[in-house]
Amino acid sequence: MQSSPLISIIVPVYNVKDYLADCLESLVAQTYGSIEIIVVDDGSTDGSSILLDEFAQRDARLRVIHQSNQGVAAARRKALSVAHGDAILFVDADDVLSSSCLQELVQVYTKTHAHVVVSPMVRFSACPQAPLVVANVFSAGCLGGGQRVRLFEDFSAVMALCGKLISRTILEGLPLPQSQTGDDILPTTFLICASDPVALAPRACYFYRQRISSQSHAGDGRFEGLLTGFCAAKQLLKQKKVYEDFAPGFEYVCRVVLTSFMEKYGLTPREEALLRKHREDLMLPAGIFGGRPWKFRLRQWIFDRSLRYGFSYAFWMHGLRRLMGRI
């Protein structure tokens, strides 16, 4: 592995003009110099296209590809088809990197020879904070074999394709499903399986902008995307024969996300039918949540009964909360 590998930064863009300049400025300001920035304008109509062309004129490392609107997955695939980097970093167009982010990720990448380096993500709504030292799972350096289950202690590690430096050698076969939401679950699971060990960045240097209008918070098909994403990822874990090792962490993330969604939004009749269709996929090994807090285990007991007997989880949770107070 060369000492200064070329890194391809891939950024899909669709109607994010208000945030795009912040993202691009953070990319061109990286202290690590061996980069190419490939931005795919996925049919933007808000002026993002013009802004991208202006940035490309200022910095020769930035390449802009314009295409009709085809979705995030198609934009990522297009960028991958023209990328020359030894490693890839996916970035969302409304997010921001610290100026030393790539420098730090590449240092870990070259030192450990891991195929994936994971940085924790910090959420922000206005101004990103300074890079943070993370004293939990990410202080471990590398996680190999069954220890990779600890990645599930940080939701961003398994729910976001961004914030990961990925070696080109494992990108062959990377699944990129097109979905309204939940589209990162399968590819991140694929990467965790493909890289043994997974290397961990010591500091949070990727800042994820939280905004109500983002794809993960808006539009129809959100629950379907999450559910099908988790079911596909579970099948992948079983195919790779690592499900038993990863199940305690993977199923915890799956259940937290699905039950939280149902409690907050409820389900349409179509979504209830989809849940029943995937009932067998959602069944769990006995005692898998034995060490979790009792409130979480109670929710999962109710969810399991709703799957088994076909009643509405959201309806019964609403009634239980009224009866017992909020749990």
C-alpha atoms as a PDB file:
ATOM      1  CA  MET A   1       0.000   0.000   0.000  1.00  0.00           C
ATOM      2  CA  GLN A   2       1.471   3.346  -1.034  1.00  0.00           C
ATOM      3  CA  SER A   3       2.165   5.939   1.642  1.00  0.00           C
ATOM      4  CA  SER A   4      -0.080   8.606   0.094  1.00  0.00           C
ATOM      5  CA  PRO A   5      -3.006   6.778  -1.517  1.00  0.00           C
ATOM      6  CA  LEU A   6      -5.326   8.701  -3.794  1.00  0.00           C
ATOM      7  CA  ILE A   7      -8.713   9.172  -2.124  1.00  0.00           C
ATOM      8  CA  SER A   8     -11.873   9.617  -4.191  1.00  0.00           C
ATOM      9  CA  ILE A   9     -14.491  11.678  -2.380  1.00  0.00           C
ATOM     10  CA  ILE A  10     -17.941  10.956  -3.824  1.00  0.00           C
ATOM     11  CA  VAL A  11     -20.768  13.433  -3.292  1.00  0.00           C
ATOM     12  CA  PRO A  12     -24.291  12.956  -4.726  1.00  0.00           C
ATOM     13  CA  VAL A  13     -26.136  16.286  -4.982  1.00  0.00           C
ATOM     14  CA  TYR A  14     -29.847  16.974  -5.320  1.00  0.00           C
ATOM     15  CA  ASN A  15     -31.359  20.358  -4.452  1.00  0.00           C
ATOM     16  CA  VAL A  16     -29.148  21.287  -1.481  1.00  0.00           C
ATOM     17  CA  LYS A  17     -27.974  24.733  -2.589  1.00  0.00           C
ATOM     18  CA  ASP A  18     -28.378  26.246   0.897  1.00  0.00           C
ATOM     19  CA  TYR A  19     -25.851  23.797   2.378  1.00  0.00           C
ATOM     20  CA  LEU A  20     -23.698  22.788  -0.584  1.00  0.00           C
ATOM     21  CA  ALA A  21     -21.063  25.520  -0.282  1.00  0.00           C
ATOM     22  CA  ASP A  22     -20.315  24.532   3.333  1.00  0.00           C
ATOM     23  CA  CYS A  23     -19.756  20.943   2.237  1.00  0.00           C
ATOM     24  CA  LEU A  24     -17.544  21.782  -0.736  1.00  0.00           C
ATOM     25  CA  GLU A  25     -15.475  24.286   1.205  1.00  0.00           C
ATOM     26  CA  SER A  26     -14.738  21.618   3.809  1.00  0.00           C
ATOM     27  CA  LEU A  27     -13.615  19.197   1.084  1.00  0.00           C
ATOM     28  CA  VAL A  28     -11.268  21.520  -0.780  1.00  0.00           C
ATOM     29  CA  ALA A  29      -9.781  22.642   2.565  1.00  0.00           C
ATOM     30  CA  GLN A  30      -8.593  19.143   3.507  1.00  0.00           C
ATOM     31  CA  THR A  31      -5.036  19.048   4.815  1.00  0.00           C
ATOM     32  CA  TYR A  32      -4.565  15.734   2.998  1.00  0.00           C
ATOM     33  CA  GLY A  33      -3.713  16.622  -0.583  1.00  0.00           C
ATOM     34  CA  SER A  34      -3.969  13.405  -2.630  1.00  0.00           C
ATOM     35  CA  ILE A  35      -7.684  13.591  -3.388  1.00  0.00           C
ATOM     36  CA  GLU A  36     -10.156  13.777  -6.217  1.00  0.00           C
ATOM     37  CA  ILE A  37     -13.678  15.059  -5.575  1.00  0.00           C
ATOM     38  CA  ILE A  38     -16.390  13.590  -7.791  1.00  0.00           C
ATOM     39  CA  VAL A  39     -19.728  15.337  -7.468  1.00  0.00           C
ATOM     40  CA  VAL A  40     -22.777  13.961  -9.256  1.00  0.00           C
ATOM     41  CA  ASP A  41     -25.512  16.526  -9.787  1.00  0.00           C
ATOM     42  CA  ASP A  42     -28.596  14.324  -9.836  1.00  0.00           C
ATOM     43  CA  GLY A  43     -30.915  16.645 -11.741  1.00  0.00           C
ATOM     44  CA  SER A  44     -30.945  19.557  -9.284  1.00  0.00           C
ATOM     45  CA  THR A  45     -33.368  22.391 -10.047  1.00  0.00           C
ATOM     46  CA  ASP A  46     -32.536  24.846  -7.249  1.00  0.00           C
ATOM     47  CA  GLY A  47     -29.288  26.328  -8.535  1.00  0.00           C
ATOM     48  CA  SER A  48     -27.009  23.651  -7.074  1.00  0.00           C
ATOM     49  CA  SER A  49     -25.774  22.880 -10.590  1.00  0.00           C
ATOM     50  CA  ILE A  50     -24.505  26.421 -11.135  1.00  0.00           C
ATOM     51  CA  LEU A  51     -22.775  26.471  -7.770  1.00  0.00           C
ATOM     52  CA  LEU A  52     -21.038  23.181  -8.541  1.00  0.00           C
ATOM     53  CA  ASP A  53     -19.707  24.455 -11.866  1.00  0.00           C
ATOM     54  CA  GLU A  54     -18.364  27.567 -10.146  1.00  0.00           C
ATOM     55  CA  PHE A  55     -16.493  25.447  -7.587  1.00  0.00           C
ATOM     56  CA  ALA A  56     -15.104  23.182 -10.331  1.00  0.00           C
ATOM     57  CA  GLN A  57     -13.601  26.237 -12.047  1.00  0.00           C
ATOM     58  CA  ARG A  58     -11.866  27.201  -8.796  1.00  0.00           C
ATOM     59  CA  ASP A  59     -10.371  23.789  -7.972  1.00  0.00           C
ATOM     60  CA  ALA A  60      -9.147  21.303 -10.588  1.00  0.00           C
ATOM     61  CA  ARG A  61      -9.513  18.403  -8.142  1.00  0.00           C
ATOM     62  CA  LEU A  62     -13.306  18.757  -8.289  1.00  0.00           C
ATOM     63  CA  ARG A  63     -15.124  17.024 -11.145  1.00  0.00           C
ATOM     64  CA  VAL A  64     -18.835  17.581 -11.720  1.00  0.00           C
ATOM     65  CA  ILE A  65     -21.092  15.112 -13.519  1.00  0.00           C
ATOM     66  CA  HIS A  66     -24.591  16.304 -14.437  1.00  0.00           C
ATOM     67  CA  GLN A  67     -27.350  13.743 -14.987  1.00  0.00           C
ATOM     68  CA  SER A  68     -31.126  13.518 -14.871  1.00  0.00           C
ATOM     69  CA  ASN A  69     -32.650  12.693 -11.506  1.00  0.00           C
ATOM     70  CA  GLN A  70     -32.096   8.989 -10.819  1.00  0.00           C
ATOM     71  CA  GLY A  71     -31.610   8.840  -7.054  1.00  0.00           C
ATOM     72  CA  VAL A  72     -28.710   8.621  -4.635  1.00  0.00           C
ATOM     73  CA  ALA A  73     -27.766   5.027  -5.469  1.00  0.00           C
ATOM     74  CA  ALA A  74     -27.500   5.741  -9.187  1.00  0.00           C
ATOM     75  CA  ALA A  75     -25.432   8.860  -8.486  1.00  0.00           C
ATOM     76  CA  ARG A  76     -23.031   6.883  -6.316  1.00  0.00           C
ATOM     77  CA  ARG A  77     -22.713   4.147  -8.937  1.00  0.00           C
ATOM     78  CA  LYS A  78     -21.957   6.731 -11.614  1.00  0.00           C
ATOM     79  CA  ALA A  79     -19.226   8.295  -9.498  1.00  0.00           C
ATOM     80  CA  LEU A  80     -17.703   4.912  -8.690  1.00  0.00           C
ATOM     81  CA  SER A  81     -17.512   4.097 -12.394  1.00  0.00           C
ATOM     82  CA  VAL A  82     -15.151   7.028 -13.013  1.00  0.00           C
ATOM     83  CA  ALA A  83     -13.270   7.145  -9.690  1.00  0.00           C
ATOM     84  CA  HIS A  84      -9.520   6.500  -9.726  1.00  0.00           C
ATOM     85  CA  GLY A  85      -8.867   6.434  -5.989  1.00  0.00           C
ATOM     86  CA  ASP A  86      -7.212   3.676  -4.004  1.00  0.00           C
ATOM     87  CA  ALA A  87      -9.933   4.281  -1.414  1.00  0.00           C
ATOM     88  CA  ILE A  88     -13.377   5.910  -1.428  1.00  0.00           C
ATOM     89  CA  LEU A  89     -15.099   8.265   0.981  1.00  0.00           C
ATOM     90  CA  PHE A  90     -18.823   8.899   0.516  1.00  0.00           C
ATOM     91  CA  VAL A  91     -20.037  12.308   1.684  1.00  0.00           C
ATOM     92  CA  ASP A  92     -23.581  13.697   1.753  1.00  0.00           C
ATOM     93  CA  ALA A  93     -23.905  17.108   0.139  1.00  0.00           C
ATOM     94  CA  ASP A  94     -25.194  18.848   3.270  1.00  0.00           C
ATOM     95  CA  ASP A  95     -22.530  17.442   5.600  1.00  0.00           C
ATOM     96  CA  VAL A  96     -19.143  18.852   6.614  1.00  0.00           C
ATOM     97  CA  LEU A  97     -15.709  17.364   7.303  1.00  0.00           C
ATOM     98  CA  SER A  98     -13.144  18.784   9.683  1.00  0.00           C
ATOM     99  CA  SER A  99     -10.083  20.023   7.787  1.00  0.00           C
ATOM    100  CA  SER A 100      -7.935  17.154   9.123  1.00  0.00           C
ATOM    101  CA  CYS A 101     -10.548  14.431   8.605  1.00  0.00           C
ATOM    102  CA  LEU A 102      -8.965  12.691   5.619  1.00  0.00           C
ATOM    103  CA  GLN A 103      -5.479  13.063   7.059  1.00  0.00           C
ATOM    104  CA  GLU A 104      -6.580  11.219  10.185  1.00  0.00           C
ATOM    105  CA  LEU A 105      -8.518   8.516   8.327  1.00  0.00           C
ATOM    106  CA  VAL A 106      -5.647   7.859   5.920  1.00  0.00           C
ATOM    107  CA  GLN A 107      -3.187   7.581   8.810  1.00  0.00           C
ATOM    108  CA  VAL A 108      -5.313   4.815  10.327  1.00  0.00           C
ATOM    109  CA  TYR A 109      -5.839   3.233   6.886  1.00  0.00           C
ATOM    110  CA  THR A 110      -2.116   3.014   6.082  1.00  0.00           C
ATOM    111  CA  LYS A 111      -1.138   1.916   9.578  1.00  0.00           C
ATOM    112  CA  THR A 112      -3.689  -0.879  10.004  1.00  0.00           C
ATOM    113  CA  HIS A 113      -4.129  -2.015   6.362  1.00  0.00           C
ATOM    114  CA  ALA A 114      -7.827  -2.464   7.153  1.00  0.00           C
ATOM    115  CA  HIS A 115     -10.204  -2.277   4.207  1.00  0.00           C
ATOM    116  CA  VAL A 116     -12.626  -0.022   6.100  1.00  0.00           C
ATOM    117  CA  VAL A 117     -11.905   2.818   8.508  1.00  0.00           C
ATOM    118  CA  VAL A 118     -14.963   4.075  10.384  1.00  0.00           C
ATOM    119  CA  SER A 119     -15.301   7.562  11.817  1.00  0.00           C
ATOM    120  CA  PRO A 120     -18.101   8.336  14.250  1.00  0.00           C
ATOM    121  CA  MET A 121     -20.529  10.996  13.047  1.00  0.00           C
ATOM    122  CA  VAL A 122     -21.527  14.093  14.992  1.00  0.00           C
ATOM    123  CA  ARG A 123     -24.977  15.551  14.343  1.00  0.00           C
ATOM    124  CA  PHE A 124     -25.403  19.292  14.060  1.00  0.00           C
ATOM    125  CA  SER A 125     -28.105  21.705  12.946  1.00  0.00           C
ATOM    126  CA  ALA A 126     -26.261  25.022  12.638  1.00  0.00           C
ATOM    127  CA  CYS A 127     -22.480  25.061  13.115  1.00  0.00           C
ATOM    128  CA  PRO A 128     -20.367  21.898  13.439  1.00  0.00           C
ATOM    129  CA  GLN A 129     -18.290  21.546  16.561  1.00  0.00           C
ATOM    130  CA  ALA A 130     -14.557  20.944  16.688  1.00  0.00           C
ATOM    131  CA  PRO A 131     -13.418  17.313  16.167  1.00  0.00           C
ATOM    132  CA  LEU A 132     -14.239  15.233  19.213  1.00  0.00           C
ATOM    133  CA  VAL A 133     -12.320  12.523  21.011  1.00  0.00           C
ATOM    134  CA  VAL A 134     -14.633   9.531  21.291  1.00  0.00           C
ATOM    135  CA  ALA A 135     -14.085   7.338  24.319  1.00  0.00           C
ATOM    136  CA  ASN A 136     -16.375   4.410  23.551  1.00  0.00           C
ATOM    137  CA  VAL A 137     -16.189   1.699  20.878  1.00  0.00           C
ATOM    138  CA  PHE A 138     -14.031   3.897  18.663  1.00  0.00           C
ATOM    139  CA  SER A 139     -11.153   3.923  21.117  1.00  0.00           C
ATOM    140  CA  ALA A 140     -10.517   0.262  20.387  1.00  0.00           C
ATOM    141  CA  GLY A 141      -8.254   0.766  17.330  1.00  0.00           C
ATOM    142  CA  CYS A 142      -9.404  -2.286  15.352  1.00  0.00           C
ATOM    143  CA  LEU A 143     -12.243  -4.742  15.748  1.00  0.00           C
ATOM    144  CA  GLY A 144     -11.803  -8.177  14.209  1.00  0.00           C
ATOM    145  CA  GLY A 145     -13.908 -11.303  13.959  1.00  0.00           C
ATOM    146  CA  GLY A 146     -16.875 -11.385  16.310  1.00  0.00           C
ATOM    147  CA  GLN A 147     -15.640  -8.225  18.020  1.00  0.00           C
ATOM    148  CA  ARG A 148     -17.062  -6.286  15.077  1.00  0.00           C
ATOM    149  CA  VAL A 149     -20.449  -6.616  16.780  1.00  0.00           C
ATOM    150  CA  ARG A 150     -19.342  -3.674  18.921  1.00  0.00           C
ATOM    151  CA  LEU A 151     -19.768  -1.421  15.884  1.00  0.00           C
ATOM    152  CA  PHE A 152     -23.503  -1.652  16.480  1.00  0.00           C
ATOM    153  CA  GLU A 153     -23.047   0.320  19.693  1.00  0.00           C
ATOM    154  CA  ASP A 154     -22.855   3.416  17.473  1.00  0.00           C
ATOM    155  CA  PHE A 155     -25.837   3.679  15.128  1.00  0.00           C
ATOM    156  CA  SER A 156     -23.991   5.862  12.615  1.00  0.00           C
ATOM    157  CA  ALA A 157     -21.459   3.079  12.096  1.00  0.00           C
ATOM    158  CA  VAL A 158     -24.120   0.761  10.687  1.00  0.00           C
ATOM    159  CA  MET A 159     -26.794   3.141   9.383  1.00  0.00           C
ATOM    160  CA  ALA A 160     -24.659   5.475   7.241  1.00  0.00           C
ATOM    161  CA  LEU A 161     -22.418   4.760   4.272  1.00  0.00           C
ATOM    162  CA  CYS A 162     -20.779   8.150   4.796  1.00  0.00           C
ATOM    163  CA  GLY A 163     -17.925   8.632   7.258  1.00  0.00           C
ATOM    164  CA  LYS A 164     -16.096   5.470   6.149  1.00  0.00           C
ATOM    165  CA  LEU A 165     -12.850   5.285   4.214  1.00  0.00           C
ATOM    166  CA  ILE A 166     -13.264   2.211   2.017  1.00  0.00           C
ATOM    167  CA  SER A 167     -10.554   0.363   0.117  1.00  0.00           C
ATOM    168  CA  ARG A 168     -11.306  -0.096  -3.573  1.00  0.00           C
ATOM    169  CA  THR A 169     -10.392  -3.779  -3.227  1.00  0.00           C
ATOM    170  CA  ILE A 170     -13.678  -4.597  -1.445  1.00  0.00           C
ATOM    171  CA  LEU A 171     -15.996  -2.389  -3.503  1.00  0.00           C
ATOM    172  CA  GLU A 172     -16.650  -5.154  -6.019  1.00  0.00           C
ATOM    173  CA  GLY A 173     -20.193  -6.321  -5.368  1.00  0.00           C
ATOM    174  CA  LEU A 174     -21.075  -3.440  -3.042  1.00  0.00           C
ATOM    175  CA  PRO A 175     -24.901  -3.378  -3.035  1.00  0.00           C
ATOM    176  CA  LEU A 176     -26.408   0.080  -3.549  1.00  0.00           C
ATOM    177  CA  PRO A 177     -30.197  -0.301  -3.372  1.00  0.00           C
ATOM    178  CA  GLN A 178     -32.407   2.622  -4.344  1.00  0.00           C
ATOM    179  CA  SER A 179     -34.847   3.381  -1.561  1.00  0.00           C
ATOM    180  CA  GLN A 180     -36.561   6.380   0.003  1.00  0.00           C
ATOM    181  CA  THR A 181     -34.770   5.663   3.266  1.00  0.00           C
ATOM    182  CA  GLY A 182     -32.786   2.832   4.787  1.00  0.00           C
ATOM    183  CA  ASP A 183     -30.712   2.520   1.616  1.00  0.00           C
ATOM    184  CA  ASP A 184     -27.414   2.549   3.555  1.00  0.00           C
ATOM    185  CA  ILE A 185     -28.238  -0.408   5.817  1.00  0.00           C
ATOM    186  CA  LEU A 186     -27.368  -3.163   3.329  1.00  0.00           C
ATOM    187  CA  PRO A 187     -24.123  -1.635   1.973  1.00  0.00           C
ATOM    188  CA  THR A 188     -22.784  -0.811   5.449  1.00  0.00           C
ATOM    189  CA  THR A 189     -23.536  -4.347   6.597  1.00  0.00           C
ATOM    190  CA  PHE A 190     -21.731  -5.615   3.492  1.00  0.00           C
ATOM    191  CA  LEU A 191     -18.664  -3.537   4.373  1.00  0.00           C
ATOM    192  CA  ILE A 192     -18.582  -4.738   7.982  1.00  0.00           C
ATOM    193  CA  CYS A 193     -18.645  -8.321   6.702  1.00  0.00           C
ATOM    194  CA  ALA A 194     -16.029  -7.668   3.993  1.00  0.00           C
ATOM    195  CA  SER A 195     -13.448  -6.010   6.230  1.00  0.00           C
ATOM    196  CA  ASP A 196     -11.856  -8.056   8.995  1.00  0.00           C
ATOM    197  CA  PRO A 197     -10.722  -6.179  10.957  1.00  0.00           C
ATOM    198  CA  VAL A 198     -12.547  -2.865  10.754  1.00  0.00           C
ATOM    199  CA  ALA A 199     -10.327   0.032  11.820  1.00  0.00           C
ATOM    200  CA  LEU A 200     -11.702   2.806  14.002  1.00  0.00           C
ATOM    201  CA  ALA A 201     -10.844   6.492  13.873  1.00  0.00           C
ATOM    202  CA  PRO A 202      -9.924   7.940  17.273  1.00  0.00           C
ATOM    203  CA  ARG A 203     -11.858  11.177  16.761  1.00  0.00           C
ATOM    204  CA  ALA A 204     -15.160  12.262  15.272  1.00  0.00           C
ATOM    205  CA  CYS A 205     -14.362  14.345  12.201  1.00  0.00           C
ATOM    206  CA  TYR A 206     -17.501  13.844  10.071  1.00  0.00           C
ATOM    207  CA  PHE A 207     -20.394  16.193  10.834  1.00  0.00           C
ATOM    208  CA  TYR A 208     -23.873  15.124   9.806  1.00  0.00           C
ATOM    209  CA  ARG A 209     -26.341  17.938   9.276  1.00  0.00           C
ATOM    210  CA  GLN A 210     -29.737  17.173  10.741  1.00  0.00           C
ATOM    211  CA  ARG A 211     -32.552  18.868   8.879  1.00  0.00           C
ATOM    212  CA  ILE A 212     -36.247  18.039   8.804  1.00  0.00           C
ATOM    213  CA  SER A 213     -36.504  18.177   5.002  1.00  0.00           C
ATOM    214  CA  SER A 214     -33.787  15.575   4.378  1.00  0.00           C
ATOM    215  CA  GLN A 215     -34.654  12.322   2.632  1.00  0.00           C
ATOM    216  CA  SER A 216     -34.404  10.300   5.839  1.00  0.00           C
ATOM    217  CA  HIS A 217     -37.101  12.471   7.457  1.00  0.00           C
ATOM    218  CA  ALA A 218     -39.531  13.031   4.607  1.00  0.00           C
ATOM    219  CA  GLY A 219     -41.578  11.296   1.950  1.00  0.00           C
ATOM    220  CA  ASP A 220     -43.571   8.113   1.532  1.00  0.00           C
ATOM    221  CA  GLY A 221     -41.881   4.747   1.721  1.00  0.00           C
ATOM    222  CA  ARG A 222     -39.745   5.470   4.781  1.00  0.00           C
ATOM    223  CA  PHE A 223     -40.868   2.444   6.779  1.00  0.00           C
ATOM    224  CA  GLU A 224     -40.736   0.149   3.761  1.00  0.00           C
ATOM    225  CA  GLY A 225     -37.168   1.237   3.064  1.00  0.00           C
ATOM    226  CA  LEU A 226     -36.065   0.637   6.649  1.00  0.00           C
ATOM    227  CA  LEU A 227     -37.796  -2.726   6.908  1.00  0.00           C
ATOM    228  CA  THR A 228     -36.546  -4.091   3.591  1.00  0.00           C
ATOM    229  CA  GLY A 229     -33.062  -2.738   4.316  1.00  0.00           C
ATOM    230  CA  PHE A 230     -32.836  -4.581   7.627  1.00  0.00           C
ATOM    231  CA  CYS A 231     -34.297  -7.784   6.179  1.00  0.00           C
ATOM    232  CA  ALA A 232     -31.845  -7.758   3.263  1.00  0.00           C
ATOM    233  CA  ALA A 233     -28.933  -7.070   5.628  1.00  0.00           C
ATOM    234  CA  LYS A 234     -30.000  -9.946   7.874  1.00  0.00           C
ATOM    235  CA  GLN A 235     -30.029 -12.309   4.909  1.00  0.00           C
ATOM    236  CA  LEU A 236     -26.554 -11.112   3.966  1.00  0.00           C
ATOM    237  CA  LEU A 237     -25.250 -11.828   7.474  1.00  0.00           C
ATOM    238  CA  LYS A 238     -26.682 -15.339   7.262  1.00  0.00           C
ATOM    239  CA  GLN A 239     -25.169 -15.904   3.811  1.00  0.00           C
ATOM    240  CA  LYS A 240     -21.772 -14.809   5.126  1.00  0.00           C
ATOM    241  CA  LYS A 241     -22.261 -17.125   8.146  1.00  0.00           C
ATOM    242  CA  VAL A 242     -21.683 -14.341  10.664  1.00  0.00           C
ATOM    243  CA  TYR A 243     -25.251 -13.744  11.823  1.00  0.00           C
ATOM    244  CA  GLU A 244     -24.791 -15.478  15.179  1.00  0.00           C
ATOM    245  CA  ASP A 245     -21.805 -13.250  15.969  1.00  0.00           C
ATOM    246  CA  PHE A 246     -23.525 -10.032  14.908  1.00  0.00           C
ATOM    247  CA  ALA A 247     -27.107 -10.777  15.951  1.00  0.00           C
ATOM    248  CA  PRO A 248     -27.095  -9.119  19.428  1.00  0.00           C
ATOM    249  CA  GLY A 249     -25.951  -5.789  18.011  1.00  0.00           C
ATOM    250  CA  PHE A 250     -27.607  -5.935  14.605  1.00  0.00           C
ATOM    251  CA  GLU A 251     -31.023  -6.910  15.962  1.00  0.00           C
ATOM    252  CA  TYR A 252     -30.796  -4.240  18.650  1.00  0.00           C
ATOM    253  CA  VAL A 253     -30.316  -1.523  16.024  1.00  0.00           C
ATOM    254  CA  CYS A 254     -33.056  -3.017  13.862  1.00  0.00           C
ATOM    255  CA  ARG A 255     -35.595  -3.140  16.681  1.00  0.00           C
ATOM    256  CA  VAL A 256     -34.784   0.329  18.036  1.00  0.00           C
ATOM    257  CA  VAL A 257     -35.210   1.887  14.594  1.00  0.00           C
ATOM    258  CA  LEU A 258     -38.392   0.016  13.641  1.00  0.00           C
ATOM    259  CA  THR A 259     -40.220   0.317  16.962  1.00  0.00           C
ATOM    260  CA  SER A 260     -39.248   3.986  17.336  1.00  0.00           C
ATOM    261  CA  PHE A 261     -40.657   4.685  13.892  1.00  0.00           C
ATOM    262  CA  MET A 262     -43.915   2.881  14.654  1.00  0.00           C
ATOM    263  CA  GLU A 263     -44.345   4.643  17.984  1.00  0.00           C
ATOM    264  CA  LYS A 264     -43.727   8.059  16.423  1.00  0.00           C
ATOM    265  CA  TYR A 265     -45.612   7.760  13.142  1.00  0.00           C
ATOM    266  CA  GLY A 266     -47.775   4.645  13.316  1.00  0.00           C
ATOM    267  CA  LEU A 267     -48.230   2.505  10.202  1.00  0.00           C
ATOM    268  CA  THR A 268     -50.570   2.663   7.243  1.00  0.00           C
ATOM    269  CA  PRO A 269     -52.592  -0.465   6.388  1.00  0.00           C
ATOM    270  CA  ARG A 270     -50.139  -1.137   3.568  1.00  0.00           C
ATOM    271  CA  GLU A 271     -47.191  -0.911   5.949  1.00  0.00           C
ATOM    272  CA  GLU A 272     -48.924  -3.184   8.460  1.00  0.00           C
ATOM    273  CA  ALA A 273     -49.371  -5.729   5.667  1.00  0.00           C
ATOM    274  CA  LEU A 274     -45.702  -5.412   4.738  1.00  0.00           C
ATOM    275  CA  LEU A 275     -44.726  -6.001   8.363  1.00  0.00           C
ATOM    276  CA  ARG A 276     -46.814  -9.177   8.462  1.00  0.00           C
ATOM    277  CA  LYS A 277     -45.205 -10.310   5.202  1.00  0.00           C
ATOM    278  CA  HIS A 278     -41.755 -10.069   6.794  1.00  0.00           C
ATOM    279  CA  ARG A 279     -42.827 -11.610  10.102  1.00  0.00           C
ATOM    280  CA  GLU A 280     -40.507 -14.603   9.805  1.00  0.00           C
ATOM    281  CA  ASP A 281     -37.556 -12.361   8.905  1.00  0.00           C
ATOM    282  CA  LEU A 282     -38.061 -10.404  12.140  1.00  0.00           C
ATOM    283  CA  MET A 283     -38.198 -13.354  14.526  1.00  0.00           C
ATOM    284  CA  LEU A 284     -35.258 -13.438  16.959  1.00  0.00           C
ATOM    285  CA  PRO A 285     -33.173 -16.017  18.825  1.00  0.00           C
ATOM    286  CA  ALA A 286     -34.434 -16.545  22.383  1.00  0.00           C
ATOM    287  CA  GLY A 287     -32.840 -14.376  25.057  1.00  0.00           C
ATOM    288  CA  ILE A 288     -30.962 -12.180  22.606  1.00  0.00           C
ATOM    289  CA  PHE A 289     -31.772  -8.984  24.544  1.00  0.00           C
ATOM    290  CA  GLY A 290     -31.143 -10.402  28.003  1.00  0.00           C
ATOM    291  CA  GLY A 291     -28.701  -7.676  29.005  1.00  0.00           C
ATOM    292  CA  ARG A 292     -30.753  -4.739  27.726  1.00  0.00           C
ATOM    293  CA  PRO A 293     -32.842  -2.373  29.940  1.00  0.00           C
ATOM    294  CA  TRP A 294     -36.253  -3.672  30.973  1.00  0.00           C
ATOM    295  CA  LYS A 295     -38.171  -0.930  29.132  1.00  0.00           C
ATOM    296  CA  PHE A 296     -36.527  -1.939  25.871  1.00  0.00           C
ATOM    297  CA  ARG A 297     -37.203  -5.631  26.536  1.00  0.00           C
ATOM    298  CA  LEU A 298     -40.852  -4.870  27.303  1.00  0.00           C
ATOM    299  CA  ARG A 299     -41.206  -3.071  23.967  1.00  0.00           C
ATOM    300  CA  GLN A 300     -39.694  -6.046  22.148  1.00  0.00           C
ATOM    301  CA  TRP A 301     -41.952  -8.491  23.961  1.00  0.00           C
ATOM    302  CA  ILE A 302     -44.965  -6.483  22.787  1.00  0.00           C
ATOM    303  CA  PHE A 303     -43.533  -6.229  19.265  1.00  0.00           C
ATOM    304  CA  ASP A 304     -42.935  -9.983  19.138  1.00  0.00           C
ATOM    305  CA  ARG A 305     -46.551 -10.618  20.185  1.00  0.00           C
ATOM    306  CA  SER A 306     -47.791  -8.157  17.572  1.00  0.00           C
ATOM    307  CA  LEU A 307     -45.893 -10.112  14.920  1.00  0.00           C
ATOM    308  CA  ARG A 308     -47.105 -13.443  16.213  1.00  0.00           C
ATOM    309  CA  TYR A 309     -50.778 -12.553  16.637  1.00  0.00           C
ATOM    310  CA  GLY A 310     -51.216  -9.832  14.019  1.00  0.00           C
ATOM    311  CA  PHE A 311     -52.209  -6.855  16.174  1.00  0.00           C
ATOM    312  CA  SER A 312     -50.927  -3.283  15.812  1.00  0.00           C
ATOM    313  CA  TYR A 313     -47.783  -2.616  17.859  1.00  0.00           C
ATOM    314  CA  ALA A 314     -48.300   1.160  17.748  1.00  0.00           C
ATOM    315  CA  PHE A 315     -51.924   0.833  18.949  1.00  0.00           C
ATOM    316  CA  TRP A 316     -51.015  -1.340  21.921  1.00  0.00           C
ATOM    317  CA  MET A 317     -48.023   0.811  22.892  1.00  0.00           C
ATOM    318  CA  HIS A 318     -50.249   3.888  22.839  1.00  0.00           C
ATOM    319  CA  GLY A 319     -52.759   2.168  25.115  1.00  0.00           C
ATOM    320  CA  LEU A 320     -50.070   0.880  27.470  1.00  0.00           C
ATOM    321  CA  ARG A 321     -48.554   4.328  27.807  1.00  0.00           C
ATOM    322  CA  ARG A 322     -51.916   5.829  28.678  1.00  0.00           C
ATOM    323  CA  LEU A 323     -52.454   3.095  31.259  1.00  0.00           C
ATOM    324  CA  MET A 324     -49.008   3.112  32.894  1.00  0.00           C
ATOM    325  CA  GLY A 325     -47.614   6.535  32.057  1.00  0.00           C
ATOM    326  CA  ARG A 326     -44.922   7.069  29.460  1.00  0.00           C
ATOM    327  CA  ILE A 327     -42.373   4.211  29.384  1.00  0.00           C
END
